[in-house]
């Protein structure tokens, strides 16, 4: 069996999703000019750290219990959902100043044709953003489909995944305690 030095695709997806989420919150906070930008940013992103650490623990435990292509595909699908949500949330947050709520997504998914004129008008007025974003979206979708069909070979070292789960569990515990200390 050939050893794979690549990261699992889901790790890249979740890292991009985390960067997208906390980066958008930083940009949105800069508009409001709080007295302490970093303290406020830490306060609003601690729940994101908790979520992404819990996600990493769950995936690492799944790999530790049953490493294989099925878990790789499930982790890829989960990572794709999280990345899609993070990108949509970041775009919504930067456009409106508030986070995207699941109810908004349900309304848009109920009748997406109704919202096409709004999307088209935005894309036409901002081609320098919409063209690269559209091309990047197509490239990422093609890459994710390719990885779903042919996942990266899984290194079957259960101990490695158990250690990874333990490390993320420490981060999860720390962020959970931080949430208790930050929020009354």
Foldseek 3Di string as FASTA:
>chain_A
DDDDPDDFPLVVLLVLLLCLQLVLVLVLVVVVPDPDSVVVSCLVCLVVLLVSLVLLLVLLVVCLVPNDLVSSLVSLVVSVVSSVQSNVQSVCCNVPVDGDDVVVVVVCVVPVVVCVVVVVVVCVVCVVPNVVVVVVVVVVVVVSVVCNVPPDGTDNDSVVSVVSSVVSVVSNVVSVVVNVVSPD
